[in-house]
PDB file of N, CA and C in Angstrom:
ATOM      1  N   MET A   1       0.857  -1.167   0.000  1.00  0.00           N
ATOM      2  CA  MET A   1       0.000   0.000   0.000  1.00  0.00           C
ATOM      3  C   MET A   1       0.897   1.222   0.000  1.00  0.00           C
ATOM      4  N   ASP A   2       0.628   2.170  -0.864  1.00  0.00           N
ATOM      5  CA  ASP A   2       1.489   3.333  -0.969  1.00  0.00           C
ATOM      6  C   ASP A   2       1.084   4.481  -0.064  1.00  0.00           C
ATOM      7  N   GLY A   3       0.009   4.315   0.700  1.00  0.00           N
ATOM      8  CA  GLY A   3      -0.410   5.362   1.623  1.00  0.00           C
ATOM      9  C   GLY A   3      -1.353   6.375   1.016  1.00  0.00           C
ATOM     10  N   HIS A   4      -1.682   6.208  -0.252  1.00  0.00           N
ATOM     11  CA  HIS A   4      -2.587   7.135  -0.917  1.00  0.00           C
ATOM     12  C   HIS A   4      -3.620   6.365  -1.706  1.00  0.00           C
ATOM     13  N   HIS A   5      -4.710   7.036  -1.994  1.00  0.00           N
ATOM     14  CA  HIS A   5      -5.781   6.447  -2.783  1.00  0.00           C
ATOM     15  C   HIS A   5      -6.303   7.536  -3.698  1.00  0.00           C
ATOM     16  N   PRO A   6      -6.604   7.203  -4.947  1.00  0.00           N
ATOM     17  CA  PRO A   6      -7.114   8.240  -5.840  1.00  0.00           C
ATOM     18  C   PRO A   6      -8.329   8.927  -5.246  1.00  0.00           C
ATOM     19  N   GLY A   7      -8.309  10.235  -5.254  1.00  0.00           N
ATOM     20  CA  GLY A   7      -9.441  10.991  -4.725  1.00  0.00           C
ATOM     21  C   GLY A   7     -10.549  11.102  -5.747  1.00  0.00           C
ATOM     22  N   ALA A   8     -11.724  11.452  -5.296  1.00  0.00           N
ATOM     23  CA  ALA A   8     -12.875  11.554  -6.182  1.00  0.00           C
ATOM     24  C   ALA A   8     -12.864  12.850  -6.973  1.00  0.00           C
ATOM     25  N   SER A   9     -12.091  13.821  -6.524  1.00  0.00           N
ATOM     26  CA  SER A   9     -12.102  15.104  -7.216  1.00  0.00           C
ATOM     27  C   SER A   9     -10.782  15.333  -7.933  1.00  0.00           C
ATOM     28  N   GLY A  10     -10.844  15.266  -9.241  1.00  0.00           N
ATOM     29  CA  GLY A  10      -9.660  15.523 -10.046  1.00  0.00           C
ATOM     30  C   GLY A  10      -8.554  14.531  -9.765  1.00  0.00           C
ATOM     31  N   GLY A  11      -7.332  15.019  -9.742  1.00  0.00           N
ATOM     32  CA  GLY A  11      -6.198  14.148  -9.533  1.00  0.00           C
ATOM     33  C   GLY A  11      -5.724  14.125  -8.092  1.00  0.00           C
ATOM     34  N   ARG A  12      -6.491  14.724  -7.189  1.00  0.00           N
ATOM     35  CA  ARG A  12      -6.074  14.737  -5.788  1.00  0.00           C
ATOM     36  C   ARG A  12      -6.049  13.333  -5.233  1.00  0.00           C
ATOM     37  N   ARG A  13      -5.120  13.115  -4.316  1.00  0.00           N
ATOM     38  CA  ARG A  13      -5.014  11.808  -3.677  1.00  0.00           C
ATOM     39  C   ARG A  13      -5.188  12.002  -2.182  1.00  0.00           C
ATOM     40  N   ALA A  14      -5.995  11.155  -1.576  1.00  0.00           N
ATOM     41  CA  ALA A  14      -6.258  11.236  -0.141  1.00  0.00           C
ATOM     42  C   ALA A  14      -5.403  10.215   0.591  1.00  0.00           C
ATOM     43  N   GLU A  15      -4.875  10.600   1.737  1.00  0.00           N
ATOM     44  CA  GLU A  15      -4.099   9.651   2.531  1.00  0.00           C
ATOM     45  C   GLU A  15      -5.026   8.583   3.082  1.00  0.00           C
ATOM     46  N   VAL A  16      -4.540   7.320   3.087  1.00  0.00           N
ATOM     47  CA  VAL A  16      -5.352   6.223   3.591  1.00  0.00           C
ATOM     48  C   VAL A  16      -4.673   5.482   4.734  1.00  0.00           C
ATOM     49  N   VAL A  17      -3.420   5.801   5.018  1.00  0.00           N
ATOM     50  CA  VAL A  17      -2.741   5.194   6.152  1.00  0.00           C
ATOM     51  C   VAL A  17      -2.038   6.286   6.950  1.00  0.00           C
ATOM     52  N   HIS A  18      -1.864   6.008   8.217  1.00  0.00           N
ATOM     53  CA  HIS A  18      -1.131   6.912   9.098  1.00  0.00           C
ATOM     54  C   HIS A  18      -0.282   6.049  10.018  1.00  0.00           C
ATOM     55  N   LYS A  19       1.013   6.234   9.956  1.00  0.00           N
ATOM     56  CA  LYS A  19       1.947   5.440  10.764  1.00  0.00           C
ATOM     57  C   LYS A  19       1.734   3.943  10.547  1.00  0.00           C
ATOM     58  N   GLY A  20       1.477   3.565   9.287  1.00  0.00           N
ATOM     59  CA  GLY A  20       1.330   2.158   8.935  1.00  0.00           C
ATOM     60  C   GLY A  20      -0.010   1.530   9.279  1.00  0.00           C
ATOM     61  N   LYS A  21      -0.933   2.309   9.796  1.00  0.00           N
ATOM     62  CA  LYS A  21      -2.256   1.793  10.165  1.00  0.00           C
ATOM     63  C   LYS A  21      -3.312   2.462   9.292  1.00  0.00           C
ATOM     64  N   PRO A  22      -4.453   1.766   9.072  1.00  0.00           N
ATOM     65  CA  PRO A  22      -5.518   2.381   8.268  1.00  0.00           C
ATOM     66  C   PRO A  22      -5.972   3.703   8.872  1.00  0.00           C
ATOM     67  N   LEU A  23      -6.284   4.644   8.018  1.00  0.00           N
ATOM     68  CA  LEU A  23      -6.804   5.939   8.449  1.00  0.00           C
ATOM     69  C   LEU A  23      -8.327   5.855   8.442  1.00  0.00           C
ATOM     70  N   TRP A  24      -8.910   5.733   9.626  1.00  0.00           N
ATOM     71  CA  TRP A  24     -10.359   5.539   9.769  1.00  0.00           C
ATOM     72  C   TRP A  24     -11.073   6.871   9.667  1.00  0.00           C
ATOM     73  N   ARG A  25     -12.213   6.846   8.965  1.00  0.00           N
ATOM     74  CA  ARG A  25     -13.042   8.038   8.809  1.00  0.00           C
ATOM     75  C   ARG A  25     -14.498   7.666   9.078  1.00  0.00           C
ATOM     76  N   LYS A  26     -15.251   8.656   9.556  1.00  0.00           N
ATOM     77  CA  LYS A  26     -16.693   8.454   9.698  1.00  0.00           C
ATOM     78  C   LYS A  26     -17.387   9.641   9.060  1.00  0.00           C
ATOM     79  N   SER A  27     -18.631   9.458   8.731  1.00  0.00           N
ATOM     80  CA  SER A  27     -19.397  10.483   8.059  1.00  0.00           C
ATOM     81  C   SER A  27     -19.484  11.749   8.899  1.00  0.00           C
ATOM     82  N   SER A  28     -19.457  12.876   8.228  1.00  0.00           N
ATOM     83  CA  SER A  28     -19.655  14.142   8.933  1.00  0.00           C
ATOM     84  C   SER A  28     -21.070  14.231   9.490  1.00  0.00           C
ATOM     85  N   LEU A  29     -21.981  13.417   8.972  1.00  0.00           N
ATOM     86  CA  LEU A  29     -23.355  13.393   9.484  1.00  0.00           C
ATOM     87  C   LEU A  29     -23.428  12.816  10.890  1.00  0.00           C
ATOM     88  N   CYS A  30     -22.387  12.106  11.320  1.00  0.00           N
ATOM     89  CA  CYS A  30     -22.367  11.535  12.669  1.00  0.00           C
ATOM     90  C   CYS A  30     -22.154  12.603  13.717  1.00  0.00           C
ATOM     91  N   GLY A  31     -21.598  13.727  13.332  1.00  0.00           N
ATOM     92  CA  GLY A  31     -21.305  14.788  14.294  1.00  0.00           C
ATOM     93  C   GLY A  31     -20.359  14.276  15.357  1.00  0.00           C
ATOM     94  N   ASN A  32     -20.688  14.525  16.608  1.00  0.00           N
ATOM     95  CA  ASN A  32     -19.849  14.059  17.713  1.00  0.00           C
ATOM     96  C   ASN A  32     -20.335  12.735  18.279  1.00  0.00           C
ATOM     97  N   GLU A  33     -21.292  12.137  17.614  1.00  0.00           N
ATOM     98  CA  GLU A  33     -21.815  10.846  18.057  1.00  0.00           C
ATOM     99  C   GLU A  33     -20.722   9.798  17.988  1.00  0.00           C
ATOM    100  N   ASN A  34     -20.832   8.788  18.820  1.00  0.00           N
ATOM    101  CA  ASN A  34     -19.850   7.707  18.811  1.00  0.00           C
ATOM    102  C   ASN A  34     -20.507   6.402  18.382  1.00  0.00           C
ATOM    103  N   GLU A  35     -21.608   6.494  17.673  1.00  0.00           N
ATOM    104  CA  GLU A  35     -22.324   5.302  17.219  1.00  0.00           C
ATOM    105  C   GLU A  35     -22.427   5.330  15.701  1.00  0.00           C
ATOM    106  N   CYS A  36     -21.275   5.276  15.073  1.00  0.00           N
ATOM    107  CA  CYS A  36     -21.217   5.362  13.621  1.00  0.00           C
ATOM    108  C   CYS A  36     -20.381   4.213  13.067  1.00  0.00           C
ATOM    109  N   VAL A  37     -20.541   4.006  11.796  1.00  0.00           N
ATOM    110  CA  VAL A  37     -19.668   3.075  11.092  1.00  0.00           C
ATOM    111  C   VAL A  37     -18.490   3.888  10.585  1.00  0.00           C
ATOM    112  N   GLU A  38     -17.292   3.383  10.806  1.00  0.00           N
ATOM    113  CA  GLU A  38     -16.091   4.031  10.303  1.00  0.00           C
ATOM    114  C   GLU A  38     -15.555   3.196   9.146  1.00  0.00           C
ATOM    115  N   VAL A  39     -14.968   3.861   8.172  1.00  0.00           N
ATOM    116  CA  VAL A  39     -14.393   3.147   7.036  1.00  0.00           C
ATOM    117  C   VAL A  39     -12.955   3.584   6.824  1.00  0.00           C
ATOM    118  N   ALA A  40     -12.179   2.669   6.270  1.00  0.00           N
ATOM    119  CA  ALA A  40     -10.795   2.943   5.871  1.00  0.00           C
ATOM    120  C   ALA A  40     -10.602   2.307   4.502  1.00  0.00           C
ATOM    121  N   VAL A  41      -9.953   3.028   3.603  1.00  0.00           N
ATOM    122  CA  VAL A  41      -9.750   2.556   2.241  1.00  0.00           C
ATOM    123  C   VAL A  41      -8.338   2.031   2.100  1.00  0.00           C
ATOM    124  N   GLY A  42      -8.211   0.874   1.461  1.00  0.00           N
ATOM    125  CA  GLY A  42      -6.904   0.286   1.211  1.00  0.00           C
ATOM    126  C   GLY A  42      -6.767  -0.108  -0.240  1.00  0.00           C
ATOM    127  N   GLU A  43      -5.702  -0.800  -0.561  1.00  0.00           N
ATOM    128  CA  GLU A  43      -5.479  -1.275  -1.915  1.00  0.00           C
ATOM    129  C   GLU A  43      -6.539  -2.304  -2.280  1.00  0.00           C
ATOM    130  N   GLY A  44      -7.530  -1.915  -3.071  1.00  0.00           N
ATOM    131  CA  GLY A  44      -8.547  -2.838  -3.542  1.00  0.00           C
ATOM    132  C   GLY A  44      -9.537  -3.297  -2.499  1.00  0.00           C
ATOM    133  N   GLN A  45      -9.565  -2.646  -1.346  1.00  0.00           N
ATOM    134  CA  GLN A  45     -10.510  -3.058  -0.310  1.00  0.00           C
ATOM    135  C   GLN A  45     -10.958  -1.861   0.511  1.00  0.00           C
ATOM    136  N   VAL A  46     -12.108  -2.035   1.142  1.00  0.00           N
ATOM    137  CA  VAL A  46     -12.625  -1.048   2.082  1.00  0.00           C
ATOM    138  C   VAL A  46     -12.886  -1.793   3.377  1.00  0.00           C
ATOM    139  N   LEU A  47     -12.384  -1.252   4.468  1.00  0.00           N
ATOM    140  CA  LEU A  47     -12.597  -1.835   5.791  1.00  0.00           C
ATOM    141  C   LEU A  47     -13.698  -1.042   6.484  1.00  0.00           C
ATOM    142  N   ALA A  48     -14.529  -1.722   7.256  1.00  0.00           N
ATOM    143  CA  ALA A  48     -15.605  -1.064   8.000  1.00  0.00           C
ATOM    144  C   ALA A  48     -15.610  -1.609   9.419  1.00  0.00           C
ATOM    145  N   ARG A  49     -15.848  -0.716  10.377  1.00  0.00           N
ATOM    146  CA  ARG A  49     -15.900  -1.144  11.782  1.00  0.00           C
ATOM    147  C   ARG A  49     -16.910  -0.292  12.544  1.00  0.00           C
ATOM    148  N   ASP A  50     -17.291  -0.795  13.699  1.00  0.00           N
ATOM    149  CA  ASP A  50     -18.204  -0.108  14.606  1.00  0.00           C
ATOM    150  C   ASP A  50     -17.372   0.868  15.435  1.00  0.00           C
ATOM    151  N   SER A  51     -17.726   2.146  15.410  1.00  0.00           N
ATOM    152  CA  SER A  51     -16.938   3.150  16.134  1.00  0.00           C
ATOM    153  C   SER A  51     -16.955   2.924  17.643  1.00  0.00           C
ATOM    154  N   LYS A  52     -17.959   2.212  18.154  1.00  0.00           N
ATOM    155  CA  LYS A  52     -18.015   1.941  19.595  1.00  0.00           C
ATOM    156  C   LYS A  52     -17.034   0.844  19.999  1.00  0.00           C
ATOM    157  N   LYS A  53     -16.624   0.008  19.049  1.00  0.00           N
ATOM    158  CA  LYS A  53     -15.736  -1.121  19.348  1.00  0.00           C
ATOM    159  C   LYS A  53     -14.598  -1.189  18.330  1.00  0.00           C
ATOM    160  N   PRO A  54     -13.737  -0.182  18.325  1.00  0.00           N
ATOM    161  CA  PRO A  54     -12.678  -0.131  17.317  1.00  0.00           C
ATOM    162  C   PRO A  54     -11.636  -1.244  17.447  1.00  0.00           C
ATOM    163  N   GLY A  55     -11.592  -1.926  18.567  1.00  0.00           N
ATOM    164  CA  GLY A  55     -10.618  -3.002  18.759  1.00  0.00           C
ATOM    165  C   GLY A  55     -11.016  -4.307  18.079  1.00  0.00           C
ATOM    166  N   ARG A  56     -12.273  -4.433  17.710  1.00  0.00           N
ATOM    167  CA  ARG A  56     -12.727  -5.644  17.024  1.00  0.00           C
ATOM    168  C   ARG A  56     -12.189  -5.669  15.594  1.00  0.00           C
ATOM    169  N   SER A  57     -12.086  -6.856  15.049  1.00  0.00           N
ATOM    170  CA  SER A  57     -11.637  -6.986  13.661  1.00  0.00           C
ATOM    171  C   SER A  57     -12.657  -6.325  12.734  1.00  0.00           C
ATOM    172  N   PRO A  58     -12.166  -5.517  11.784  1.00  0.00           N
ATOM    173  CA  PRO A  58     -13.098  -4.865  10.863  1.00  0.00           C
ATOM    174  C   PRO A  58     -13.593  -5.833   9.789  1.00  0.00           C
ATOM    175  N   LEU A  59     -14.704  -5.494   9.184  1.00  0.00           N
ATOM    176  CA  LEU A  59     -15.188  -6.219   8.018  1.00  0.00           C
ATOM    177  C   LEU A  59     -14.410  -5.706   6.815  1.00  0.00           C
ATOM    178  N   SER A  60     -14.172  -6.571   5.854  1.00  0.00           N
ATOM    179  CA  SER A  60     -13.433  -6.201   4.654  1.00  0.00           C
ATOM    180  C   SER A  60     -14.295  -6.443   3.426  1.00  0.00           C
ATOM    181  N   PHE A  61     -14.356  -5.445   2.552  1.00  0.00           N
ATOM    182  CA  PHE A  61     -15.137  -5.522   1.327  1.00  0.00           C
ATOM    183  C   PHE A  61     -14.233  -5.184   0.149  1.00  0.00           C
ATOM    184  N   SER A  62     -14.479  -5.834  -0.978  1.00  0.00           N
ATOM    185  CA  SER A  62     -13.754  -5.434  -2.185  1.00  0.00           C
ATOM    186  C   SER A  62     -14.246  -4.042  -2.573  1.00  0.00           C
ATOM    187  N   THR A  63     -13.415  -3.300  -3.262  1.00  0.00           N
ATOM    188  CA  THR A  63     -13.814  -1.966  -3.692  1.00  0.00           C
ATOM    189  C   THR A  63     -15.080  -2.008  -4.555  1.00  0.00           C
ATOM    190  N   PRO A  64     -15.186  -2.944  -5.535  1.00  0.00           N
ATOM    191  CA  PRO A  64     -16.426  -3.001  -6.322  1.00  0.00           C
ATOM    192  C   PRO A  64     -17.661  -3.320  -5.469  1.00  0.00           C
ATOM    193  N   ALA A  65     -17.521  -4.213  -4.488  1.00  0.00           N
ATOM    194  CA  ALA A  65     -18.661  -4.557  -3.625  1.00  0.00           C
ATOM    195  C   ALA A  65     -19.090  -3.343  -2.804  1.00  0.00           C
ATOM    196  N   TRP A  66     -18.136  -2.589  -2.266  1.00  0.00           N
ATOM    197  CA  TRP A  66     -18.454  -1.394  -1.470  1.00  0.00           C
ATOM    198  C   TRP A  66     -19.132  -0.343  -2.348  1.00  0.00           C
ATOM    199  N   THR A  67     -18.642  -0.192  -3.565  1.00  0.00           N
ATOM    200  CA  THR A  67     -19.229   0.767  -4.496  1.00  0.00           C
ATOM    201  C   THR A  67     -20.672   0.399  -4.811  1.00  0.00           C
ATOM    202  N   ARG A  68     -20.943  -0.892  -5.024  1.00  0.00           N
ATOM    203  CA  ARG A  68     -22.315  -1.340  -5.287  1.00  0.00           C
ATOM    204  C   ARG A  68     -23.204  -1.086  -4.068  1.00  0.00           C
ATOM    205  N   PHE A  69     -22.668  -1.321  -2.873  1.00  0.00           N
ATOM    206  CA  PHE A  69     -23.410  -1.080  -1.629  1.00  0.00           C
ATOM    207  C   PHE A  69     -23.794   0.400  -1.515  1.00  0.00           C
ATOM    208  N   LEU A  70     -22.829   1.286  -1.735  1.00  0.00           N
ATOM    209  CA  LEU A  70     -23.114   2.721  -1.647  1.00  0.00           C
ATOM    210  C   LEU A  70     -24.130   3.148  -2.702  1.00  0.00           C
ATOM    211  N   LEU A  71     -24.021   2.599  -3.895  1.00  0.00           N
ATOM    212  CA  LEU A  71     -24.981   2.910  -4.950  1.00  0.00           C
ATOM    213  C   LEU A  71     -26.380   2.469  -4.546  1.00  0.00           C
ATOM    214  N   ALA A  72     -26.484   1.271  -3.974  1.00  0.00           N
ATOM    215  CA  ALA A  72     -27.788   0.773  -3.519  1.00  0.00           C
ATOM    216  C   ALA A  72     -28.366   1.683  -2.434  1.00  0.00           C
ATOM    217  N   LEU A  73     -27.510   2.188  -1.534  1.00  0.00           N
ATOM    218  CA  LEU A  73     -27.983   3.110  -0.492  1.00  0.00           C
ATOM    219  C   LEU A  73     -28.503   4.399  -1.100  1.00  0.00           C
ATOM    220  N   THR A  74     -27.757   4.971  -2.024  1.00  0.00           N
ATOM    221  CA  THR A  74     -28.157   6.257  -2.599  1.00  0.00           C
ATOM    222  C   THR A  74     -29.387   6.127  -3.468  1.00  0.00           C
ATOM    223  N   GLN A  75     -29.615   4.954  -4.020  1.00  0.00           N
ATOM    224  CA  GLN A  75     -30.798   4.735  -4.849  1.00  0.00           C
ATOM    225  C   GLN A  75     -31.950   4.138  -4.036  1.00  0.00           C
ATOM    226  N   GLU A  76     -31.768   4.081  -2.719  1.00  0.00           N
ATOM    227  CA  GLU A  76     -32.780   3.598  -1.782  1.00  0.00           C
ATOM    228  C   GLU A  76     -33.282   2.205  -2.146  1.00  0.00           C
ATOM    229  N   GLU A  77     -32.336   1.332  -2.534  1.00  0.00           N
ATOM    230  CA  GLU A  77     -32.687  -0.043  -2.878  1.00  0.00           C
ATOM    231  C   GLU A  77     -32.683  -0.963  -1.653  1.00  0.00           C
ATOM    232  N   LEU A  78     -32.180  -0.471  -0.527  1.00  0.00           N
ATOM    233  CA  LEU A  78     -32.126  -1.282   0.695  1.00  0.00           C
ATOM    234  C   LEU A  78     -33.252  -0.821   1.602  1.00  0.00           C
ATOM    235  N   ASP A  79     -34.060  -1.764   2.045  1.00  0.00           N
ATOM    236  CA  ASP A  79     -35.221  -1.395   2.861  1.00  0.00           C
ATOM    237  C   ASP A  79     -35.031  -1.644   4.352  1.00  0.00           C
ATOM    238  N   GLY A  80     -33.905  -2.210   4.738  1.00  0.00           N
ATOM    239  CA  GLY A  80     -33.625  -2.433   6.151  1.00  0.00           C
ATOM    240  C   GLY A  80     -34.311  -3.625   6.770  1.00  0.00           C
ATOM    241  N   SER A  81     -35.017  -4.410   5.996  1.00  0.00           N
ATOM    242  CA  SER A  81     -35.684  -5.577   6.593  1.00  0.00           C
ATOM    243  C   SER A  81     -34.909  -6.839   6.318  1.00  0.00           C
TER     244      SER A  81
END
């Protein structure tokens, strides 16, 4: 992993590791809440974890699978049942 990932805007690259560890991010919609899903982007994968239990092993998704998941969310294809 080179520590960077192509950014969504132009040619900018966002850092994805810090001191050799994944750089975890959570949505700005979470505010100061501590009950959010955090994600970290790596080479060909996206890691997800519960912000309340960061010591647990994260879930790992392929980049295409994560992209399909986000698309389904934005198109309201997931009903939560």
